[in-house]
Amino acid sequence: MRTERREVRHAERHWSNSKLTIHWQIFEKKRQDYGISLDDARTYYQRQRISDADTTQKLFSLVDEMTGDKKELASTLPRHD
């Protein structure tokens, strides 16, 4: 992931210096590929966490963490009168 991100930044710098269309296309392709890889890594990580939850309690607390606990949300939102 780090090398992909580094390649994206390198392509961006290369395009920003040259402003050529081909360099823009290369940058866009690398950025899209990085985004797909990042989404895949996040999905794999979350699936791994779910499969590692060995009890129902751990699974439900994980789901609460992923979706945002309503108790925490209520304490952070301002009161509406």
C-alpha atoms as a PDB file:
ATOM      1  CA  MET A   1       0.000   0.000   0.000  1.00  0.00           C
ATOM      2  CA  ARG A   2       2.763   2.416   0.820  1.00  0.00           C
ATOM      3  CA  THR A   3       4.530   1.815  -2.467  1.00  0.00           C
ATOM      4  CA  GLU A   4       1.295   2.341  -4.385  1.00  0.00           C
ATOM      5  CA  ARG A   5       0.669   5.604  -2.551  1.00  0.00           C
ATOM      6  CA  ARG A   6       4.237   6.672  -3.282  1.00  0.00           C
ATOM      7  CA  GLU A   7       3.721   5.907  -6.986  1.00  0.00           C
ATOM      8  CA  VAL A   8       0.531   7.994  -7.008  1.00  0.00           C
ATOM      9  CA  ARG A   9       2.325  10.943  -5.446  1.00  0.00           C
ATOM     10  CA  HIS A  10       5.213  10.550  -7.883  1.00  0.00           C
ATOM     11  CA  ALA A  11       2.805  10.523 -10.840  1.00  0.00           C
ATOM     12  CA  GLU A  12       1.022  13.582  -9.437  1.00  0.00           C
ATOM     13  CA  ARG A  13       4.269  15.514  -9.119  1.00  0.00           C
ATOM     14  CA  HIS A  14       5.272  14.453 -12.615  1.00  0.00           C
ATOM     15  CA  TRP A  15       1.946  15.656 -14.031  1.00  0.00           C
ATOM     16  CA  SER A  16       1.982  18.927 -12.070  1.00  0.00           C
ATOM     17  CA  ASN A  17       5.388  19.771 -13.498  1.00  0.00           C
ATOM     18  CA  SER A  18       4.610  18.871 -17.109  1.00  0.00           C
ATOM     19  CA  LYS A  19       0.814  19.447 -17.379  1.00  0.00           C
ATOM     20  CA  LEU A  20       0.733  16.930 -20.255  1.00  0.00           C
ATOM     21  CA  THR A  21      -2.429  14.956 -20.898  1.00  0.00           C
ATOM     22  CA  ILE A  22      -0.599  11.623 -20.930  1.00  0.00           C
ATOM     23  CA  HIS A  23       0.858  12.325 -17.492  1.00  0.00           C
ATOM     24  CA  TRP A  24      -2.632  13.224 -16.243  1.00  0.00           C
ATOM     25  CA  GLN A  25      -3.956   9.910 -17.565  1.00  0.00           C
ATOM     26  CA  ILE A  26      -1.133   7.991 -15.890  1.00  0.00           C
ATOM     27  CA  PHE A  27      -1.797   9.812 -12.628  1.00  0.00           C
ATOM     28  CA  GLU A  28      -5.545   9.116 -12.823  1.00  0.00           C
ATOM     29  CA  LYS A  29      -4.974   5.412 -13.524  1.00  0.00           C
ATOM     30  CA  LYS A  30      -2.573   5.059 -10.599  1.00  0.00           C
ATOM     31  CA  ARG A  31      -4.972   6.942  -8.328  1.00  0.00           C
ATOM     32  CA  GLN A  32      -7.884   4.721  -9.331  1.00  0.00           C
ATOM     33  CA  ASP A  33      -5.806   1.565  -8.828  1.00  0.00           C
ATOM     34  CA  TYR A  34      -4.743   2.793  -5.393  1.00  0.00           C
ATOM     35  CA  GLY A  35      -8.356   3.516  -4.446  1.00  0.00           C
ATOM     36  CA  ILE A  36      -9.413   0.009  -5.443  1.00  0.00           C
ATOM     37  CA  SER A  37      -6.521  -1.516  -3.501  1.00  0.00           C
ATOM     38  CA  LEU A  38      -7.389   0.582  -0.468  1.00  0.00           C
ATOM     39  CA  ASP A  39     -11.035  -0.502  -0.593  1.00  0.00           C
ATOM     40  CA  ASP A  40      -9.967  -4.150  -0.912  1.00  0.00           C
ATOM     41  CA  ALA A  41      -7.628  -3.816   2.068  1.00  0.00           C
ATOM     42  CA  ARG A  42     -10.352  -2.214   4.207  1.00  0.00           C
ATOM     43  CA  THR A  43     -12.830  -4.929   3.242  1.00  0.00           C
ATOM     44  CA  TYR A  44     -10.335  -7.671   4.054  1.00  0.00           C
ATOM     45  CA  TYR A  45      -9.534  -6.065   7.419  1.00  0.00           C
ATOM     46  CA  GLN A  46     -13.185  -5.733   8.440  1.00  0.00           C
ATOM     47  CA  ARG A  47     -14.010  -9.272   7.311  1.00  0.00           C
ATOM     48  CA  GLN A  48     -11.067 -10.560   9.322  1.00  0.00           C
ATOM     49  CA  ARG A  49     -12.272  -8.712  12.406  1.00  0.00           C
ATOM     50  CA  ILE A  50     -15.763 -10.151  11.999  1.00  0.00           C
ATOM     51  CA  SER A  51     -14.484 -13.694  11.538  1.00  0.00           C
ATOM     52  CA  ASP A  52     -12.240 -13.331  14.607  1.00  0.00           C
ATOM     53  CA  ALA A  53     -15.221 -12.391  16.801  1.00  0.00           C
ATOM     54  CA  ASP A  54     -15.739 -15.725  18.523  1.00  0.00           C
ATOM     55  CA  THR A  55     -18.663 -14.797  20.761  1.00  0.00           C
ATOM     56  CA  THR A  56     -21.945 -13.083  20.057  1.00  0.00           C
ATOM     57  CA  GLN A  57     -21.078 -10.311  22.498  1.00  0.00           C
ATOM     58  CA  LYS A  58     -17.844  -9.525  20.647  1.00  0.00           C
ATOM     59  CA  LEU A  59     -19.661  -9.588  17.328  1.00  0.00           C
ATOM     60  CA  PHE A  60     -22.362  -7.171  18.487  1.00  0.00           C
ATOM     61  CA  SER A  61     -19.839  -4.811  20.074  1.00  0.00           C
ATOM     62  CA  LEU A  62     -17.881  -4.872  16.816  1.00  0.00           C
ATOM     63  CA  VAL A  63     -21.004  -4.014  14.838  1.00  0.00           C
ATOM     64  CA  ASP A  64     -21.776  -1.184  17.281  1.00  0.00           C
ATOM     65  CA  GLU A  65     -18.234   0.105  16.812  1.00  0.00           C
ATOM     66  CA  MET A  66     -18.474  -0.065  13.028  1.00  0.00           C
ATOM     67  CA  THR A  67     -21.893   1.592  12.777  1.00  0.00           C
ATOM     68  CA  GLY A  68     -21.404   4.103  15.548  1.00  0.00           C
ATOM     69  CA  ASP A  69     -22.825   3.565  18.995  1.00  0.00           C
ATOM     70  CA  LYS A  70     -26.047   5.545  19.446  1.00  0.00           C
ATOM     71  CA  LYS A  71     -25.101   6.456  23.008  1.00  0.00           C
ATOM     72  CA  GLU A  72     -21.926   8.143  21.809  1.00  0.00           C
ATOM     73  CA  LEU A  73     -23.794   9.892  19.012  1.00  0.00           C
ATOM     74  CA  ALA A  74     -26.389  11.278  21.393  1.00  0.00           C
ATOM     75  CA  SER A  75     -23.700  12.719  23.646  1.00  0.00           C
ATOM     76  CA  THR A  76     -21.864  14.463  20.780  1.00  0.00           C
ATOM     77  CA  LEU A  77     -24.846  16.057  19.069  1.00  0.00           C
ATOM     78  CA  PRO A  78     -26.087  19.423  20.360  1.00  0.00           C
ATOM     79  CA  ARG A  79     -29.447  19.572  22.069  1.00  0.00           C
ATOM     80  CA  HIS A  80     -32.323  20.732  19.898  1.00  0.00           C
ATOM     81  CA  ASP A  81     -35.116  22.631  21.650  1.00  0.00           C
END
